[in-house]
Amino acid sequence: MSFPKRVLIAVTDYNGPFYPDGSKTGLFFSEALEPFEVFQKAGFDVQFVSEDGKYGYDPHSLDPKFATEEQLEIQKNPQSQYNLVLDGILPASEIDASNYGVFFAAGGHGAIFDFPNAPVLGKIAADIYANGGIVSAVCHGPAIFNSIKDAEGTPIVSGKVITGFTPEGEKEMGVAEAIAKHGKKLVPEIAKENGAEYKAPLSPFADFSITDNRIVTGANPASATSTAEKVVQLFDAIDAPTQSGASELK
């Protein structure tokens, strides 16, 4: 059979205090926009989802340091294709996993608040994976792997190599203490606890993404596009032999 050429982009629903100055965190804008653009260009239907159907941006991600002028124009335009699709975000409880071939978890520090304990999102991702689909995440998005277990209760990343935002990057951003204060775990910790090998980029903000069978991960905001592009390449590689009756990747 052919896999559904539809991707579910999961975003954090946490939009609350985090930074040392008391400001909020949430979804990192470019980590939702750039994958959206890659998937749309490749012909995928895109649906946004969060555990409860809500989202809010990390204001820092809307700073010109982290987004281009063109990207910010897209964000400000309520009629942009990106905003029209994002406005249709659904709660995880309304998603049928069988309709999707890809699960992609965007990042932002908000993800370390809700993704590690997101049972409905986790079940959706696990079902997509069990059906032969792809599970992907970027930056802090890999925190979702704490919630994704197979039918036997084994983390789907057990024995896999993944990446995600580095502890060094947290220190450079000046938020390592804030993470500890809130009692949240770093991506490498989550990887280790779920039986995965964590691989860091050469530098915290360098573009770096990994494909390990049907798990695709990226290290940071600079990796959002390359991670999505790897997903598209993998989807095409899986889908072609599946249509001809060959077995897919495990």
Protein backbone atom coordinates (compact mmCIF):
# COMPACT_ATOMS: atom_id res chain seq x y z
CA MET A 1 0.00 0.00 0.00
CA SER A 2 1.00 3.64 -0.36
CA PHE A 3 1.55 5.67 2.81
CA PRO A 4 -0.62 8.76 3.36
CA LYS A 5 1.34 11.75 2.04
CA ARG A 6 0.26 13.74 5.05
CA VAL A 7 2.41 15.10 7.85
CA LEU A 8 1.40 15.96 11.37
CA ILE A 9 3.50 18.80 12.82
CA ALA A 10 3.28 18.64 16.61
CA VAL A 11 3.94 21.83 18.56
CA THR A 12 4.16 22.58 22.26
CA ASP A 13 1.08 23.86 24.05
CA TYR A 14 3.19 25.40 26.83
CA ASN A 15 3.36 29.19 26.60
CA GLY A 16 4.37 30.25 30.09
CA PRO A 17 7.22 31.67 32.18
CA PHE A 18 10.68 30.26 31.62
CA TYR A 19 13.50 32.76 31.09
CA PRO A 20 15.48 34.25 34.00
CA ASP A 21 13.78 37.64 33.39
CA GLY A 22 10.36 36.01 33.77
CA SER A 23 9.47 36.09 30.07
CA LYS A 24 7.60 33.25 28.41
CA THR A 25 8.72 30.42 26.19
CA GLY A 26 6.68 28.37 23.75
CA LEU A 27 6.93 27.30 20.12
CA PHE A 28 10.06 28.34 18.21
CA PHE A 29 8.63 29.99 15.09
CA SER A 30 11.13 28.90 12.42
CA GLU A 31 11.01 25.29 13.60
CA ALA A 32 7.35 25.20 12.59
CA LEU A 33 7.55 27.42 9.50
CA GLU A 34 10.57 25.88 7.77
CA PRO A 35 9.39 22.25 7.96
CA PHE A 36 5.92 23.41 6.87
CA GLU A 37 7.43 25.01 3.77
CA VAL A 38 9.56 21.95 2.96
CA PHE A 39 6.61 19.57 3.30
CA GLN A 40 4.23 21.75 1.30
CA LYS A 41 6.77 22.15 -1.50
CA ALA A 42 7.16 18.35 -1.59
CA GLY A 43 3.40 17.88 -1.99
CA PHE A 44 2.46 16.85 1.55
CA ASP A 45 -0.76 17.88 3.24
CA VAL A 46 0.12 19.42 6.60
CA GLN A 47 -1.87 19.44 9.84
CA PHE A 48 -0.70 21.16 13.03
CA VAL A 49 -1.47 19.56 16.38
CA SER A 50 -0.69 20.01 20.06
CA GLU A 51 -1.70 17.98 23.07
CA ASP A 52 -4.59 20.35 23.88
CA GLY A 53 -5.00 22.21 20.57
CA LYS A 54 -3.34 25.42 21.74
CA TYR A 55 0.02 27.04 21.04
CA GLY A 56 1.93 30.25 21.61
CA TYR A 57 5.26 31.51 20.31
CA ASP A 58 8.43 32.02 22.25
CA PRO A 59 8.82 35.79 21.67
CA HIS A 60 12.58 35.35 21.31
CA SER A 61 11.98 33.26 18.18
CA LEU A 62 10.37 36.29 16.51
CA ASP A 63 13.52 38.36 16.97
CA PRO A 64 15.34 39.20 13.69
CA LYS A 65 18.33 37.27 15.09
CA PHE A 66 16.35 34.06 14.66
CA ALA A 67 14.03 34.79 11.73
CA THR A 68 14.55 36.48 8.38
CA GLU A 69 12.57 39.51 7.27
CA GLU A 70 10.70 37.32 4.78
CA GLN A 71 9.82 34.80 7.49
CA LEU A 72 8.56 37.52 9.80
CA GLU A 73 6.37 38.90 7.02
CA ILE A 74 4.80 35.45 6.68
CA GLN A 75 4.18 35.33 10.42
CA LYS A 76 2.58 38.78 10.44
CA ASN A 77 0.30 38.07 7.48
CA PRO A 78 -2.92 36.41 8.73
CA GLN A 79 -3.66 35.25 5.18
CA SER A 80 -0.31 33.52 4.61
CA GLN A 81 -0.69 29.84 3.81
CA TYR A 82 1.33 29.02 6.92
CA ASN A 83 -0.97 30.98 9.23
CA LEU A 84 -4.11 29.64 7.59
CA VAL A 85 -2.97 26.07 8.23
CA LEU A 86 -1.66 26.85 11.72
CA ASP A 87 -4.99 28.45 12.62
CA GLY A 88 -6.53 25.03 11.98
CA ILE A 89 -4.45 23.40 14.73
CA LEU A 90 -6.24 20.50 16.40
CA PRO A 91 -6.00 18.87 19.82
CA ALA A 92 -4.32 15.48 19.68
CA SER A 93 -7.58 13.80 20.72
CA GLU A 94 -9.10 14.69 17.33
CA ILE A 95 -6.34 13.11 15.23
CA ASP A 96 -6.60 9.73 13.48
CA ALA A 97 -3.02 8.44 13.19
CA SER A 98 -3.90 6.21 10.24
CA ASN A 99 -4.34 9.31 8.09
CA TYR A 100 -0.67 10.32 8.40
CA GLY A 101 2.64 8.98 7.15
CA VAL A 102 4.86 11.41 9.08
CA PHE A 103 4.95 12.78 12.62
CA PHE A 104 7.22 15.83 13.05
CA ALA A 105 7.79 17.45 16.47
CA ALA A 106 8.85 21.10 16.30
CA GLY A 107 10.86 22.64 19.11
CA GLY A 108 11.13 25.63 21.36
CA HIS A 109 11.88 25.44 25.07
CA GLY A 110 8.16 24.99 25.66
CA ALA A 111 8.58 21.44 24.38
CA ILE A 112 10.59 20.40 27.44
CA PHE A 113 7.56 21.29 29.56
CA ASP A 114 4.81 19.28 27.85
CA PHE A 115 6.34 16.86 25.34
CA PRO A 116 7.92 14.46 27.88
CA ASN A 117 4.45 13.74 29.24
CA ALA A 118 2.16 14.02 26.24
CA PRO A 119 0.31 10.68 26.18
CA VAL A 120 -2.06 11.40 23.31
CA LEU A 121 0.60 12.86 21.02
CA GLY A 122 2.86 9.98 22.01
CA LYS A 123 0.24 7.39 21.09
CA ILE A 124 -0.34 9.06 17.71
CA ALA A 125 3.38 9.06 16.94
CA ALA A 126 3.70 5.44 18.09
CA ASP A 127 0.81 4.40 15.84
CA ILE A 128 2.27 6.21 12.82
CA TYR A 129 5.58 4.46 13.47
CA ALA A 130 3.91 1.07 13.94
CA ASN A 131 2.15 1.57 10.61
CA GLY A 132 5.53 1.99 8.89
CA GLY A 133 5.63 5.78 8.96
CA ILE A 134 8.32 8.24 10.00
CA VAL A 135 8.78 9.99 13.35
CA SER A 136 10.90 13.11 13.38
CA ALA A 137 11.81 15.94 15.76
CA VAL A 138 14.05 19.01 15.84
CA CYS A 139 15.88 20.97 18.56
CA HIS A 140 13.85 20.48 21.79
CA GLY A 141 11.25 18.46 19.88
CA PRO A 142 13.02 15.17 20.71
CA ALA A 143 11.67 15.58 24.25
CA ILE A 144 8.59 13.90 22.74
CA PHE A 145 10.45 10.58 22.60
CA ASN A 146 9.83 10.16 26.31
CA SER A 147 6.15 9.80 25.38
CA ILE A 148 6.50 7.48 22.38
CA LYS A 149 6.48 3.78 23.25
CA ASP A 150 5.62 0.76 21.13
CA ALA A 151 2.88 -1.77 21.95
CA GLU A 152 5.21 -3.54 24.39
CA GLY A 153 6.07 -0.29 26.17
CA THR A 154 9.55 0.01 24.65
CA PRO A 155 10.65 3.51 23.58
CA ILE A 156 10.78 3.65 19.78
CA VAL A 157 14.20 5.34 20.00
CA SER A 158 15.71 2.50 22.02
CA GLY A 159 18.88 1.45 20.20
CA LYS A 160 18.66 4.41 17.81
CA VAL A 161 20.98 7.40 17.35
CA ILE A 162 19.30 10.78 17.74
CA THR A 163 20.30 14.41 18.14
CA GLY A 164 18.71 17.51 19.63
CA PHE A 165 19.64 20.73 21.38
CA THR A 166 22.91 20.53 23.31
CA PRO A 167 23.68 21.36 26.96
CA GLU A 168 26.35 23.72 25.62
CA GLY A 169 23.68 25.55 23.64
CA GLU A 170 21.57 25.94 26.78
CA LYS A 171 24.55 27.51 28.54
CA GLU A 172 25.23 29.85 25.62
CA MET A 173 21.61 30.98 25.74
CA GLY A 174 21.87 31.54 29.48
CA VAL A 175 19.01 29.20 30.33
CA ALA A 176 20.75 26.17 31.86
CA GLU A 177 19.88 27.34 35.37
CA ALA A 178 16.29 28.13 34.35
CA ILE A 179 15.88 24.58 33.05
CA ALA A 180 17.18 23.19 36.33
CA LYS A 181 14.98 25.57 38.32
CA HIS A 182 11.88 24.33 36.50
CA GLY A 183 12.96 20.71 37.00
CA LYS A 184 13.08 19.96 33.27
CA LYS A 185 15.38 17.55 31.47
CA LEU A 186 17.76 18.20 28.60
CA VAL A 187 17.43 16.31 25.33
CA PRO A 188 20.55 14.15 25.96
CA GLU A 189 19.07 13.05 29.31
CA ILE A 190 15.78 12.10 27.67
CA ALA A 191 17.66 10.20 24.96
CA LYS A 192 19.66 8.20 27.51
CA GLU A 193 16.62 7.39 29.65
CA ASN A 194 14.87 6.00 26.58
CA GLY A 195 17.75 3.83 25.40
CA ALA A 196 18.95 6.08 22.58
CA GLU A 197 22.46 7.24 21.77
CA TYR A 198 22.69 11.04 21.67
CA LYS A 199 24.97 12.56 19.05
CA ALA A 200 25.81 16.26 19.25
CA PRO A 201 26.59 18.63 16.36
CA LEU A 202 30.12 19.96 15.98
CA SER A 203 28.93 23.24 17.48
CA PRO A 204 25.63 23.97 19.27
CA PHE A 205 24.08 26.02 16.48
CA ALA A 206 25.49 24.25 13.41
CA ASP A 207 23.08 22.58 10.97
CA PHE A 208 23.06 18.89 11.91
CA SER A 209 20.46 16.19 11.33
CA ILE A 210 20.43 12.40 11.54
CA THR A 211 18.41 9.61 9.95
CA ASP A 212 18.37 6.28 11.80
CA ASN A 213 15.97 3.96 10.01
CA ARG A 214 12.57 5.70 10.36
CA ILE A 215 13.66 8.16 13.06
CA VAL A 216 14.88 11.57 11.85
CA THR A 217 16.17 14.24 14.23
CA GLY A 218 17.76 17.68 14.03
CA ALA A 219 19.91 19.51 16.56
CA ASN A 220 18.74 23.14 16.60
CA PRO A 221 16.84 25.87 14.73
CA ALA A 222 19.44 25.86 11.93
CA SER A 223 18.58 22.19 11.33
CA ALA A 224 14.82 22.59 10.83
CA THR A 225 15.01 22.63 7.04
CA SER A 226 17.56 19.82 6.66
CA THR A 227 15.61 17.62 9.07
CA ALA A 228 12.41 18.06 7.07
CA GLU A 229 14.29 17.47 3.82
CA LYS A 230 15.67 14.20 5.20
CA VAL A 231 12.11 13.19 6.11
CA VAL A 232 10.95 13.83 2.54
CA GLN A 233 13.85 11.81 1.11
CA LEU A 234 13.14 8.95 3.50
CA PHE A 235 9.41 9.02 2.80
CA ASP A 236 10.07 8.74 -0.93
CA ALA A 237 12.51 5.87 -0.35
CA ILE A 238 10.02 3.99 1.82
CA ASP A 239 6.94 4.70 -0.25
CA ALA A 240 8.35 3.67 -3.65
CA PRO A 241 9.21 0.05 -2.74
CA THR A 242 6.03 -0.20 -0.66
CA GLN A 243 3.94 0.65 -3.72
CA SER A 244 5.71 -2.13 -5.63
CA GLY A 245 5.08 -4.62 -2.82
CA ALA A 246 8.55 -4.68 -1.25
CA SER A 247 8.94 -4.53 2.52
CA GLU A 248 9.57 -1.20 4.21
CA LEU A 249 12.28 -0.19 6.66
CA LYS A 250 11.96 -1.40 10.23
